[in-house]
Structure formats: structure tokens, C-alpha cells
């Protein structure tokens, strides 16, 4: 193996392992915006796309799976 590649891989592995240690820095979670914002837009867009999908291809009732013939010899 190339010594440079070995050195880079060893450093990357060490950084990865140390990032999961208990003393690793932790950022607090961001507060959600109760007034709307991107979440409100996302939910509205998802609802609209669901309605369009239902109009284009209505959901079919799920019945029993069709039987298939198997080859036995």
C-alpha cells in the first residue's frame, strides 16, 4: 500500500472514531418555528401532491395475491 494513502486513511479513521466519543462537542437542537415557515410549506406541498396522485392513479383495493403455477418435476 502507498505510504501516503496509509497515512491519510489512518488520520481519517482516527478522526471518525474520536468524533463519537462522549467528550465530543455537541450542538444544541434548534427550536422549531411554531408559526409555520418551511414546515408549513412542506406539509402543504405534500398534501397537494397527494391529491394530484390520487386523481391520476386512484388507489386500488388490495386483494389476495394471484396464484402462480410452479414447475415441479
N, C-alpha and C. Protein backbone atom coordinates (compact mmCIF):
# COMPACT_ATOMS: atom_id res chain seq x y z
N UNK A 1 0.85 -1.18 0.00
CA UNK A 1 0.00 0.00 0.00
C UNK A 1 0.89 1.24 0.00
N UNK A 2 0.44 2.26 -0.66
CA UNK A 2 1.18 3.52 -0.74
C UNK A 2 1.26 4.16 0.65
N UNK A 3 2.44 4.60 1.09
CA UNK A 3 2.56 5.20 2.43
C UNK A 3 1.69 6.44 2.61
N UNK A 4 1.52 7.23 1.56
CA UNK A 4 0.69 8.43 1.68
C UNK A 4 -0.77 8.03 1.89
N UNK A 5 -1.23 7.05 1.13
CA UNK A 5 -2.61 6.58 1.28
C UNK A 5 -2.85 6.00 2.66
N UNK A 6 -1.86 5.26 3.17
CA UNK A 6 -1.97 4.69 4.51
C UNK A 6 -2.07 5.79 5.55
N UNK A 7 -1.26 6.81 5.42
CA UNK A 7 -1.27 7.92 6.36
C UNK A 7 -2.61 8.65 6.33
N UNK A 8 -3.15 8.91 5.13
CA UNK A 8 -4.44 9.60 5.01
C UNK A 8 -5.57 8.75 5.59
N UNK A 9 -5.55 7.45 5.30
CA UNK A 9 -6.60 6.57 5.81
C UNK A 9 -6.55 6.47 7.33
N UNK A 10 -5.35 6.40 7.88
CA UNK A 10 -5.20 6.31 9.33
C UNK A 10 -5.73 7.57 10.01
N UNK A 11 -5.41 8.74 9.45
CA UNK A 11 -5.90 10.00 10.02
C UNK A 11 -7.41 10.12 9.93
N UNK A 12 -7.99 9.71 8.79
CA UNK A 12 -9.45 9.79 8.63
C UNK A 12 -10.15 8.84 9.60
N UNK A 13 -9.60 7.65 9.77
CA UNK A 13 -10.19 6.69 10.70
C UNK A 13 -10.12 7.20 12.13
N UNK A 14 -9.01 7.77 12.50
CA UNK A 14 -8.86 8.30 13.86
C UNK A 14 -9.84 9.44 14.12
N UNK A 15 -10.02 10.35 13.15
CA UNK A 15 -10.98 11.44 13.32
C UNK A 15 -12.40 10.90 13.45
N UNK A 16 -12.72 9.88 12.66
CA UNK A 16 -14.06 9.29 12.72
C UNK A 16 -14.31 8.65 14.09
N UNK A 17 -13.36 7.91 14.60
CA UNK A 17 -13.52 7.24 15.89
C UNK A 17 -13.63 8.26 17.01
N UNK A 18 -12.81 9.28 16.98
CA UNK A 18 -12.83 10.28 18.06
C UNK A 18 -14.09 11.15 18.02
N UNK A 19 -14.76 11.25 16.88
CA UNK A 19 -15.96 12.09 16.80
C UNK A 19 -17.12 11.49 17.58
N UNK A 20 -17.09 10.20 17.86
CA UNK A 20 -18.18 9.56 18.58
C UNK A 20 -17.91 9.44 20.08
N UNK A 21 -16.85 10.03 20.55
CA UNK A 21 -16.51 9.92 21.97
C UNK A 21 -17.43 10.79 22.82
N UNK A 22 -17.61 10.44 24.09
CA UNK A 22 -18.52 11.20 24.96
C UNK A 22 -18.11 12.66 25.13
N UNK A 23 -16.84 12.99 25.07
CA UNK A 23 -16.42 14.37 25.26
C UNK A 23 -16.43 15.18 23.96
N UNK A 24 -16.97 14.60 22.90
CA UNK A 24 -17.04 15.32 21.63
C UNK A 24 -17.98 16.52 21.79
N UNK A 25 -17.71 17.62 21.09
CA UNK A 25 -18.59 18.79 21.20
C UNK A 25 -19.98 18.49 20.66
N UNK A 26 -20.98 19.01 21.34
CA UNK A 26 -22.37 18.76 20.97
C UNK A 26 -23.05 20.10 20.73
N UNK A 27 -23.76 20.19 19.61
CA UNK A 27 -24.53 21.40 19.34
C UNK A 27 -25.96 21.19 19.79
N UNK A 28 -26.56 22.17 20.46
CA UNK A 28 -27.95 22.00 20.89
C UNK A 28 -28.90 21.99 19.68
N UNK A 29 -30.03 21.30 19.84
CA UNK A 29 -31.03 21.24 18.78
C UNK A 29 -31.64 22.62 18.57
N UNK A 30 -31.96 22.91 17.31
CA UNK A 30 -32.61 24.19 17.01
C UNK A 30 -34.08 24.11 17.41
N UNK A 31 -34.60 25.22 17.87
CA UNK A 31 -36.01 25.28 18.21
C UNK A 31 -36.83 25.32 16.93
N UNK A 32 -37.94 24.58 16.91
CA UNK A 32 -38.80 24.60 15.73
C UNK A 32 -39.63 25.87 15.73
N UNK A 33 -40.02 26.31 14.56
CA UNK A 33 -40.80 27.53 14.41
C UNK A 33 -42.28 27.16 14.42
N UNK A 34 -43.02 27.44 15.52
CA UNK A 34 -44.43 27.05 15.57
C UNK A 34 -45.31 27.87 14.63
N UNK A 35 -44.84 28.99 14.14
CA UNK A 35 -45.66 29.85 13.30
C UNK A 35 -45.75 29.42 11.85
N UNK A 36 -45.07 28.40 11.46
CA UNK A 36 -45.14 27.96 10.07
C UNK A 36 -43.75 27.86 9.48
N UNK A 37 -43.48 28.68 8.50
CA UNK A 37 -42.17 28.64 7.86
C UNK A 37 -42.07 27.50 6.88
N UNK A 38 -40.87 26.96 6.70
CA UNK A 38 -40.67 25.90 5.71
C UNK A 38 -41.49 24.64 6.00
N UNK A 39 -41.74 24.32 7.27
CA UNK A 39 -42.53 23.13 7.60
C UNK A 39 -43.95 23.24 7.09
N UNK A 40 -44.52 24.40 7.21
CA UNK A 40 -45.89 24.61 6.75
C UNK A 40 -45.96 24.48 5.23
N UNK A 41 -45.00 25.05 4.55
CA UNK A 41 -44.95 24.96 3.09
C UNK A 41 -44.76 23.51 2.66
N UNK A 42 -43.90 22.79 3.36
CA UNK A 42 -43.63 21.38 3.02
C UNK A 42 -44.89 20.54 3.19
N UNK A 43 -45.61 20.74 4.30
CA UNK A 43 -46.84 19.97 4.52
C UNK A 43 -47.90 20.30 3.48
N UNK A 44 -48.02 21.57 3.12
CA UNK A 44 -48.99 21.96 2.10
C UNK A 44 -48.66 21.36 0.74
N UNK A 45 -47.38 21.39 0.40
CA UNK A 45 -46.95 20.81 -0.88
C UNK A 45 -47.21 19.31 -0.89
N UNK A 46 -46.92 18.62 0.21
CA UNK A 46 -47.15 17.17 0.28
C UNK A 46 -48.63 16.84 0.13
N UNK A 47 -49.50 17.62 0.76
CA UNK A 47 -50.94 17.39 0.64
C UNK A 47 -51.41 17.60 -0.79
N UNK A 48 -50.91 18.64 -1.45
CA UNK A 48 -51.30 18.91 -2.83
C UNK A 48 -50.83 17.78 -3.75
N UNK A 49 -49.61 17.32 -3.57
CA UNK A 49 -49.09 16.24 -4.40
C UNK A 49 -49.86 14.94 -4.17
N UNK A 50 -50.30 14.69 -2.92
CA UNK A 50 -51.11 13.50 -2.64
C UNK A 50 -52.43 13.56 -3.39
N UNK A 51 -53.06 14.74 -3.41
CA UNK A 51 -54.33 14.90 -4.11
C UNK A 51 -54.16 14.68 -5.61
N UNK A 52 -53.10 15.24 -6.18
CA UNK A 52 -52.84 15.06 -7.61
C UNK A 52 -52.59 13.59 -7.92
N UNK A 53 -51.82 12.92 -7.09
CA UNK A 53 -51.54 11.50 -7.32
C UNK A 53 -52.81 10.66 -7.23
N UNK A 54 -53.70 10.99 -6.30
CA UNK A 54 -54.95 10.24 -6.18
C UNK A 54 -55.84 10.45 -7.39
N UNK A 55 -55.81 11.63 -7.98
CA UNK A 55 -56.62 11.88 -9.18
C UNK A 55 -56.05 11.16 -10.39
N UNK A 56 -54.74 11.13 -10.50
CA UNK A 56 -54.12 10.49 -11.66
C UNK A 56 -54.20 8.97 -11.58
N UNK A 57 -53.95 8.40 -10.44
CA UNK A 57 -53.98 6.94 -10.27
C UNK A 57 -54.62 6.63 -8.93
N UNK A 58 -55.96 6.46 -8.92
CA UNK A 58 -56.62 6.18 -7.65
C UNK A 58 -56.11 4.87 -7.05
N UNK A 59 -56.13 4.82 -5.75
CA UNK A 59 -55.65 3.62 -5.05
C UNK A 59 -56.56 2.45 -5.36
N UNK A 60 -55.96 1.31 -5.66
CA UNK A 60 -56.73 0.11 -5.94
C UNK A 60 -56.84 -0.71 -4.67
N UNK A 61 -57.96 -1.41 -4.53
CA UNK A 61 -58.12 -2.24 -3.35
C UNK A 61 -57.18 -3.43 -3.47
N UNK A 62 -56.57 -3.76 -2.37
CA UNK A 62 -55.63 -4.87 -2.37
C UNK A 62 -56.39 -6.14 -2.07
N UNK A 63 -56.27 -7.11 -2.96
CA UNK A 63 -56.92 -8.40 -2.78
C UNK A 63 -55.88 -9.48 -2.59
N UNK A 64 -56.32 -10.72 -2.62
CA UNK A 64 -55.36 -11.81 -2.47
C UNK A 64 -54.41 -11.85 -3.66
N UNK A 65 -53.23 -12.32 -3.41
CA UNK A 65 -52.24 -12.41 -4.47
C UNK A 65 -52.66 -13.47 -5.48
N UNK A 66 -52.43 -13.21 -6.76
CA UNK A 66 -52.81 -14.21 -7.77
C UNK A 66 -51.94 -15.46 -7.60
N UNK A 67 -52.57 -16.60 -7.87
CA UNK A 67 -51.82 -17.85 -7.75
C UNK A 67 -50.92 -18.02 -8.96
N UNK A 68 -49.78 -18.55 -8.74
CA UNK A 68 -48.84 -18.79 -9.84
C UNK A 68 -48.58 -20.27 -9.94
N UNK A 69 -48.38 -20.70 -11.15
CA UNK A 69 -48.07 -22.11 -11.37
C UNK A 69 -46.59 -22.32 -11.15
N UNK A 70 -46.28 -23.40 -10.50
CA UNK A 70 -44.87 -23.73 -10.30
C UNK A 70 -44.55 -24.98 -11.07
N UNK A 71 -43.37 -25.04 -11.52
CA UNK A 71 -42.91 -26.17 -12.31
C UNK A 71 -42.35 -27.23 -11.36
N UNK A 72 -42.98 -28.39 -11.33
CA UNK A 72 -42.47 -29.47 -10.49
C UNK A 72 -42.11 -30.64 -11.39
N UNK A 73 -40.97 -31.16 -11.18
CA UNK A 73 -40.57 -32.32 -11.98
C UNK A 73 -39.78 -33.30 -11.15
